């Protein structure tokens, strides 16, 4: 069964596995899908990100520069470019 991931779900999976260090099995239970779905998602994201250069203009926004869970910050509190 194919699952279409929303951007928020992808960010959540990456946060749980990479930043919080949870296993794919634990994340799968939280996201109500299979462990294989989590592993497949991570594989596709990592494969795609290897093909794209970091184009962040501000050094603080480059790899690892964004605060944890930045997507949960209300939009009115985000700094404008």
Protein backbone atom coordinates (compact mmCIF):
# COMPACT_ATOMS: atom_id res chain seq x y z
CA UNK A 1 0.00 0.00 0.00
CA UNK A 2 1.42 3.37 -1.00
CA UNK A 3 1.30 6.22 1.48
CA UNK A 4 1.49 9.87 0.47
CA UNK A 5 3.50 11.72 3.11
CA UNK A 6 2.71 15.33 3.93
CA UNK A 7 5.63 17.72 4.41
CA UNK A 8 4.86 17.92 8.13
CA UNK A 9 4.91 14.11 8.46
CA UNK A 10 8.26 13.91 6.67
CA UNK A 11 9.73 16.54 9.00
CA UNK A 12 8.28 14.72 12.00
CA UNK A 13 9.79 11.38 10.94
CA UNK A 14 13.19 12.98 10.34
CA UNK A 15 13.05 14.76 13.69
CA UNK A 16 12.10 11.59 15.57
CA UNK A 17 14.72 9.40 13.91
CA UNK A 18 17.65 11.75 13.40
CA UNK A 19 17.43 14.33 16.17
CA UNK A 20 15.68 12.33 18.90
CA UNK A 21 17.32 9.03 17.94
CA UNK A 22 14.20 6.87 18.01
CA UNK A 23 14.18 3.61 16.08
CA UNK A 24 12.15 3.14 12.92
CA UNK A 25 9.95 0.66 14.78
CA UNK A 26 9.06 3.18 17.50
CA UNK A 27 8.42 5.93 14.96
CA UNK A 28 6.24 3.56 12.91
CA UNK A 29 3.99 2.97 15.90
CA UNK A 30 3.66 6.73 16.48
CA UNK A 31 2.96 7.43 12.80
CA UNK A 32 0.63 4.42 12.45
CA UNK A 33 2.49 2.81 9.59
CA UNK A 34 5.03 0.05 9.08
CA UNK A 35 8.71 0.11 9.99
CA UNK A 36 9.45 -0.45 6.30
CA UNK A 37 7.51 2.69 5.40
CA UNK A 38 9.68 4.73 7.77
CA UNK A 39 12.90 3.20 6.45
CA UNK A 40 11.77 3.75 2.85
CA UNK A 41 10.89 7.37 3.53
CA UNK A 42 14.29 8.03 5.13
CA UNK A 43 16.05 6.32 2.23
CA UNK A 44 14.21 8.44 -0.36
CA UNK A 45 14.77 11.68 1.53
CA UNK A 46 18.47 10.96 2.02
CA UNK A 47 18.86 9.91 -1.63
CA UNK A 48 17.16 13.09 -2.84
CA UNK A 49 19.13 15.36 -0.50
CA UNK A 50 22.43 13.99 -1.84
CA UNK A 51 21.50 15.43 -5.25
CA UNK A 52 20.72 18.96 -4.03
CA UNK A 53 23.32 21.55 -3.06
CA UNK A 54 22.78 23.64 0.06
CA UNK A 55 21.59 27.03 -1.26
CA UNK A 56 20.93 28.74 2.08
CA UNK A 57 22.05 32.36 1.90
CA UNK A 58 22.49 32.82 5.64
CA UNK A 59 25.21 30.72 7.28
CA UNK A 60 22.98 30.14 10.33
CA UNK A 61 20.42 28.38 8.11
CA UNK A 62 22.86 25.89 6.59
CA UNK A 63 22.97 22.25 7.65
CA UNK A 64 22.08 22.04 11.32
CA UNK A 65 21.42 25.76 11.65
CA UNK A 66 17.68 25.68 12.05
CA UNK A 67 16.26 25.33 15.57
CA UNK A 68 14.65 22.05 16.53
CA UNK A 69 11.06 21.70 15.31
CA UNK A 70 11.18 25.02 13.44
CA UNK A 71 8.07 24.03 11.48
CA UNK A 72 5.94 24.20 14.66
CA UNK A 73 6.74 27.88 15.28
CA UNK A 74 3.70 30.04 14.47
CA UNK A 75 4.22 31.97 11.25
CA UNK A 76 3.75 35.41 12.85
CA UNK A 77 6.83 34.76 15.02
CA UNK A 78 9.12 33.72 12.19
CA UNK A 79 11.73 36.17 11.04
CA UNK A 80 11.14 37.52 7.55
CA UNK A 81 13.90 37.27 4.92
